[in-house]
């Protein structure tokens, strides 16, 4: 009797895929564990450090630019933002970058709250953005940059909602169980009411900017201005033919919902209510179009 080689081959491929998936998940978990150990044992904080903490695609670079314009002469002659405000995880592993920065240092991280040792005594700025916008921005960024075959449904369910959970990341930083000195800021407030939000941030930093500086912050932190200097903000080249020309993609608010199906939206709302409704972030996903209300009202 002739064997059904097609069926057995298909079963074998499915088994390999399952094993590969388990392997990648374990490697990912190991990476997170190692990063946490690096944070705890190797990060040497200073009292005047300023850390911008966010989930990816939540206005991190915008906050870095605001700090740069507030705390320096704002000159755009730097080669890349990472030279003056590095990603903390990369800077720790590379050795001297953080040590060589003059005080006050300001840097960014996308790390989970639990990575951070209790010895941190500087100031932290935590930026949060409408999760639907974050998901859409993150998906298109990965797809455009180096993952052309990435599928929206798989990304949303397996990455954004599970493996690198936006909900858990934001919830842990909002809980702030170590009582770090944190200033919370929404992307929507920073882009739609820039002057008022920057003034509050300056007060948190004990900085008294002049009218000239405030106008400069408003001008140079606009999406249009920063887009002109995109090469200073995106990821480094992976190859001579690879550019990060979509790092600053659109900068829009309340558009991410257009990517969601009804089922996906329902799952998003379920997770949001489970992890984040208690913190009154001001996002209302029950409306036909997500609404943004006053934070902590």
Protein backbone atom coordinates (compact mmCIF):
# COMPACT_ATOMS: atom_id res chain seq x y z
CA UNK A 1 0.00 0.00 0.00
CA UNK A 2 1.31 3.43 -0.95
CA UNK A 3 2.25 5.66 1.97
CA UNK A 4 0.73 9.12 2.29
CA UNK A 5 4.08 10.94 2.22
CA UNK A 6 2.42 14.32 1.78
CA UNK A 7 0.47 13.99 5.01
CA UNK A 8 3.46 12.73 7.01
CA UNK A 9 5.66 15.50 5.62
CA UNK A 10 3.06 18.09 6.61
CA UNK A 11 2.84 16.68 10.15
CA UNK A 12 6.63 16.67 10.41
CA UNK A 13 6.82 20.33 9.32
CA UNK A 14 4.17 21.28 11.85
CA UNK A 15 6.14 19.53 14.57
CA UNK A 16 9.33 21.36 13.58
CA UNK A 17 7.49 24.67 13.58
CA UNK A 18 6.14 24.00 17.06
CA UNK A 19 9.60 23.11 18.36
CA UNK A 20 11.09 26.20 16.72
CA UNK A 21 8.43 28.40 18.28
CA UNK A 22 9.12 26.95 21.72
CA UNK A 23 12.84 27.48 21.17
CA UNK A 24 12.48 31.10 20.15
CA UNK A 25 10.19 31.79 23.12
CA UNK A 26 12.76 30.32 25.51
CA UNK A 27 15.52 32.38 23.93
CA UNK A 28 13.37 35.48 24.25
CA UNK A 29 12.70 34.74 27.92
CA UNK A 30 16.40 34.15 28.50
CA UNK A 31 17.22 37.47 26.83
CA UNK A 32 14.80 39.29 29.15
CA UNK A 33 16.28 37.56 32.19
CA UNK A 34 19.84 38.47 31.19
CA UNK A 35 18.87 42.08 30.54
CA UNK A 36 17.34 42.32 33.99
CA UNK A 37 20.54 41.00 35.58
CA UNK A 38 22.57 43.54 33.63
CA UNK A 39 20.33 46.36 34.87
CA UNK A 40 20.51 45.24 38.49
CA UNK A 41 24.25 44.61 38.67
CA UNK A 42 25.86 46.96 36.15
CA UNK A 43 23.82 50.16 36.00
CA UNK A 44 25.49 52.89 38.05
CA UNK A 45 22.91 55.66 38.51
CA UNK A 46 23.53 59.32 39.32
CA UNK A 47 21.28 61.54 41.40
CA UNK A 48 20.69 63.95 38.51
CA UNK A 49 19.95 61.28 35.87
CA UNK A 50 16.86 61.77 33.71
CA UNK A 51 15.44 58.57 32.24
CA UNK A 52 12.79 58.54 29.51
CA UNK A 53 10.91 55.26 29.87
CA UNK A 54 8.28 54.12 27.37
CA UNK A 55 6.88 51.16 25.54
CA UNK A 56 8.14 51.26 21.95
CA UNK A 57 6.55 53.70 19.47
CA UNK A 58 5.06 55.85 22.24
CA UNK A 59 6.78 59.18 21.62
CA UNK A 60 10.17 58.27 23.08
CA UNK A 61 12.21 60.24 20.56
CA UNK A 62 9.91 63.23 20.90
CA UNK A 63 10.52 63.27 24.66
CA UNK A 64 14.26 63.01 24.10
CA UNK A 65 14.07 65.96 21.72
CA UNK A 66 12.08 68.00 24.25
CA UNK A 67 14.75 67.33 26.89
CA UNK A 68 17.54 68.20 24.47
CA UNK A 69 15.92 71.51 23.58
CA UNK A 70 15.20 72.31 27.24
CA UNK A 71 18.57 71.38 28.71
CA UNK A 72 21.02 72.50 25.99
CA UNK A 73 21.40 75.22 23.39
CA UNK A 74 19.31 73.03 21.07
CA UNK A 75 21.86 73.00 18.26
CA UNK A 76 21.16 70.25 15.72
CA UNK A 77 24.82 69.59 14.95
CA UNK A 78 24.88 66.21 16.72
CA UNK A 79 25.38 63.16 14.51
CA UNK A 80 22.70 60.98 16.10
CA UNK A 81 20.41 61.25 19.13
CA UNK A 82 21.91 58.05 20.54
CA UNK A 83 25.26 59.85 20.93
CA UNK A 84 23.79 62.32 23.43
CA UNK A 85 20.80 60.33 24.75
CA UNK A 86 21.44 56.60 24.29
CA UNK A 87 19.20 53.59 24.77
CA UNK A 88 20.04 52.48 28.30
CA UNK A 89 20.10 48.76 27.51
CA UNK A 90 22.64 49.24 24.70
CA UNK A 91 24.72 51.78 26.60
CA UNK A 92 25.18 49.48 29.60
CA UNK A 93 26.37 46.63 27.41
CA UNK A 94 28.80 48.81 25.43
CA UNK A 95 30.64 50.02 28.51
CA UNK A 96 31.75 53.64 28.48
CA UNK A 97 28.91 55.51 26.77
CA UNK A 98 26.96 56.28 29.94
CA UNK A 99 30.05 56.89 32.03
CA UNK A 100 31.37 59.46 29.58
CA UNK A 101 28.16 61.49 29.37
CA UNK A 102 28.27 64.73 31.33
CA UNK A 103 25.62 65.42 33.97
CA UNK A 104 22.72 65.64 33.88
CA UNK A 105 22.58 62.56 31.70
CA UNK A 106 19.34 61.86 29.90
CA UNK A 107 18.73 58.52 28.24
CA UNK A 108 15.86 56.29 27.17
CA UNK A 109 14.69 52.78 27.90
CA UNK A 110 11.93 50.45 26.76
CA UNK A 111 12.70 48.10 29.64
CA UNK A 112 10.08 46.60 31.91
CA UNK A 113 9.70 48.25 35.31
CA UNK A 114 11.00 45.14 37.08
CA UNK A 115 14.36 45.54 35.33
CA UNK A 116 15.10 48.64 37.36
CA UNK A 117 16.97 48.33 40.66
CA UNK A 118 15.63 50.16 43.69
CA UNK A 119 18.86 52.15 43.93
CA UNK A 120 17.72 54.48 41.13
CA UNK A 121 17.43 57.97 42.62
CA UNK A 122 17.18 60.23 39.59
CA UNK A 123 14.09 61.42 37.74
CA UNK A 124 12.04 59.31 35.36
CA UNK A 125 9.70 60.51 32.64
CA UNK A 126 7.23 57.83 31.62
CA UNK A 127 5.53 58.42 28.29
CA UNK A 128 2.29 56.66 27.43
CA UNK A 129 0.29 56.68 24.20
CA UNK A 130 -3.06 55.36 22.99
CA UNK A 131 -2.39 51.62 22.75
CA UNK A 132 -4.20 51.19 19.45
CA UNK A 133 -1.94 53.85 17.91
CA UNK A 134 1.11 52.18 19.44
CA UNK A 135 0.16 48.79 17.99
CA UNK A 136 -0.43 50.17 14.50
CA UNK A 137 2.75 52.25 14.54
CA UNK A 138 4.86 49.37 15.81
CA UNK A 139 3.45 46.95 13.25
CA UNK A 140 4.06 49.23 10.26
CA UNK A 141 7.52 50.17 11.50
CA UNK A 142 8.63 46.54 11.77
CA UNK A 143 6.99 45.62 8.48
CA UNK A 144 8.49 48.56 6.57
CA UNK A 145 11.94 48.25 8.09
CA UNK A 146 12.93 44.59 7.99
CA UNK A 147 9.89 42.28 8.31
CA UNK A 148 7.94 42.60 5.04
CA UNK A 149 6.03 39.34 5.62
CA UNK A 150 4.77 40.31 9.08
CA UNK A 151 1.02 39.72 9.45
CA UNK A 152 -1.11 42.15 11.46
CA UNK A 153 -3.22 39.58 13.30
CA UNK A 154 -0.24 37.48 14.36
CA UNK A 155 1.74 40.55 15.43
CA UNK A 156 -1.16 41.94 17.44
CA UNK A 157 -2.03 38.72 19.26
CA UNK A 158 1.36 37.10 19.71
CA UNK A 159 3.65 40.12 20.12
CA UNK A 160 1.79 43.25 21.21
CA UNK A 161 -0.77 41.54 23.45
CA UNK A 162 1.32 38.62 24.67
CA UNK A 163 5.09 38.34 24.21
CA UNK A 164 5.87 42.06 24.59
CA UNK A 165 2.66 43.06 26.32
CA UNK A 166 1.89 46.78 26.11
CA UNK A 167 -0.73 46.37 28.81
CA UNK A 168 1.65 44.83 31.36
CA UNK A 169 4.45 47.26 30.53
CA UNK A 170 2.26 50.31 31.13
CA UNK A 171 0.58 48.80 34.20
CA UNK A 172 3.87 48.08 35.96
CA UNK A 173 5.18 51.58 35.35
CA UNK A 174 1.89 53.13 36.48
CA UNK A 175 1.87 51.06 39.67
CA UNK A 176 5.41 52.24 40.50
CA UNK A 177 5.80 49.92 43.48
CA UNK A 178 9.30 51.22 44.30
CA UNK A 179 7.97 54.78 44.36
CA UNK A 180 10.45 56.17 41.88
CA UNK A 181 10.24 59.90 41.14
CA UNK A 182 8.16 59.67 37.94
CA UNK A 183 6.54 62.32 35.76
CA UNK A 184 3.78 60.77 33.63
CA UNK A 185 3.06 62.31 30.25
CA UNK A 186 0.78 61.32 27.41
CA UNK A 187 1.86 61.55 23.80
CA UNK A 188 -1.46 63.18 22.96
CA UNK A 189 -0.91 66.00 25.46
CA UNK A 190 2.65 66.55 24.31
CA UNK A 191 1.62 66.88 20.66
CA UNK A 192 -1.70 68.68 21.07
CA UNK A 193 -0.92 70.99 24.01
CA UNK A 194 2.84 71.23 23.73
CA UNK A 195 3.46 74.49 25.59
CA UNK A 196 1.47 73.59 28.69
CA UNK A 197 2.88 70.06 28.85
CA UNK A 198 6.47 71.24 28.43
CA UNK A 199 5.99 73.82 31.17
CA UNK A 200 4.83 71.06 33.55
CA UNK A 201 7.77 68.88 32.55
CA UNK A 202 10.20 71.79 33.09
CA UNK A 203 8.78 72.33 36.59
CA UNK A 204 9.32 68.63 37.37
CA UNK A 205 12.95 69.02 36.27
CA UNK A 206 13.38 72.26 38.24
CA UNK A 207 14.15 74.09 35.01
CA UNK A 208 12.90 77.60 34.29
CA UNK A 209 12.99 78.04 30.51
CA UNK A 210 12.80 81.47 28.95
CA UNK A 211 10.11 82.39 26.45
CA UNK A 212 12.68 81.98 23.70
CA UNK A 213 13.46 78.43 24.82
CA UNK A 214 9.78 77.51 25.08
CA UNK A 215 9.18 78.75 21.54
CA UNK A 216 12.19 76.80 20.34
CA UNK A 217 10.87 73.62 21.99
CA UNK A 218 7.49 74.07 20.33
CA UNK A 219 9.06 74.67 16.93
CA UNK A 220 11.77 72.03 16.94
CA UNK A 221 9.65 69.32 18.55
CA UNK A 222 6.99 69.52 15.88
CA UNK A 223 6.60 66.46 13.66
CA UNK A 224 7.42 68.52 10.56
CA UNK A 225 10.70 69.82 11.98
CA UNK A 226 11.87 66.48 13.33
CA UNK A 227 10.99 64.71 10.08
CA UNK A 228 13.58 66.89 8.33
CA UNK A 229 16.25 65.42 10.61
CA UNK A 230 15.03 61.84 10.59
CA UNK A 231 18.52 60.47 9.95
CA UNK A 232 19.47 61.69 13.44
CA UNK A 233 16.73 59.69 15.16
CA UNK A 234 16.18 56.35 13.41
CA UNK A 235 17.99 53.08 13.96
CA UNK A 236 21.50 52.66 12.60
CA UNK A 237 21.95 51.13 9.15
CA UNK A 238 21.88 47.35 9.02
CA UNK A 239 23.40 47.36 5.53
CA UNK A 240 24.63 49.96 3.00
CA UNK A 241 21.27 49.79 1.21
CA UNK A 242 19.08 49.92 4.33
CA UNK A 243 17.77 53.22 5.69
CA UNK A 244 15.38 53.92 8.53
CA UNK A 245 13.29 56.40 6.57
CA UNK A 246 10.04 55.47 8.33
CA UNK A 247 11.25 55.87 11.92
CA UNK A 248 9.10 59.00 12.22
CA UNK A 249 6.12 57.61 10.35
CA UNK A 250 3.04 59.83 10.74
CA UNK A 251 2.80 61.03 14.32
CA UNK A 252 -1.01 60.87 14.24
CA UNK A 253 -3.41 60.14 17.09
CA UNK A 254 -6.58 58.04 17.20
CA UNK A 255 -5.93 56.42 13.81
CA UNK A 256 -4.67 53.04 15.00
CA UNK A 257 -8.21 51.83 15.66
CA UNK A 258 -8.74 51.67 11.89
CA UNK A 259 -6.44 48.62 11.79
CA UNK A 260 -8.55 46.66 14.29
CA UNK A 261 -11.35 44.24 13.49
CA UNK A 262 -14.29 44.03 15.87
CA UNK A 263 -12.88 40.87 17.46
CA UNK A 264 -9.43 42.41 17.87
CA UNK A 265 -10.91 45.54 19.37
CA UNK A 266 -12.92 43.49 21.89
CA UNK A 267 -9.80 41.62 22.99
CA UNK A 268 -7.89 44.90 23.29
CA UNK A 269 -10.62 46.41 25.48
CA UNK A 270 -10.71 43.29 27.65
CA UNK A 271 -6.97 43.49 28.32
CA UNK A 272 -7.08 47.25 28.81
CA UNK A 273 -9.83 46.92 31.41
CA UNK A 274 -7.96 44.11 33.16
CA UNK A 275 -4.63 45.89 33.48
CA UNK A 276 -5.12 49.62 33.03
CA UNK A 277 -8.64 50.88 33.75
CA UNK A 278 -7.75 51.51 37.42
CA UNK A 279 -5.13 54.10 36.46
CA UNK A 280 -7.51 56.49 34.71
CA UNK A 281 -5.22 57.27 31.79
CA UNK A 282 -8.03 59.13 30.07
CA UNK A 283 -8.48 56.77 27.12
CA UNK A 284 -12.02 55.63 26.31
CA UNK A 285 -12.13 52.72 23.87
CA UNK A 286 -15.83 52.06 24.25
CA UNK A 287 -16.72 54.90 21.86
CA UNK A 288 -16.79 54.36 18.10
CA UNK A 289 -13.60 56.42 17.97
CA UNK A 290 -11.31 56.22 21.04
CA UNK A 291 -11.59 59.41 23.08
CA UNK A 292 -8.85 61.18 25.00
CA UNK A 293 -9.95 62.83 28.22
CA UNK A 294 -7.99 64.64 30.90
CA UNK A 295 -5.41 62.34 32.47
CA UNK A 296 -6.04 61.32 36.08
CA UNK A 297 -9.30 63.33 36.08
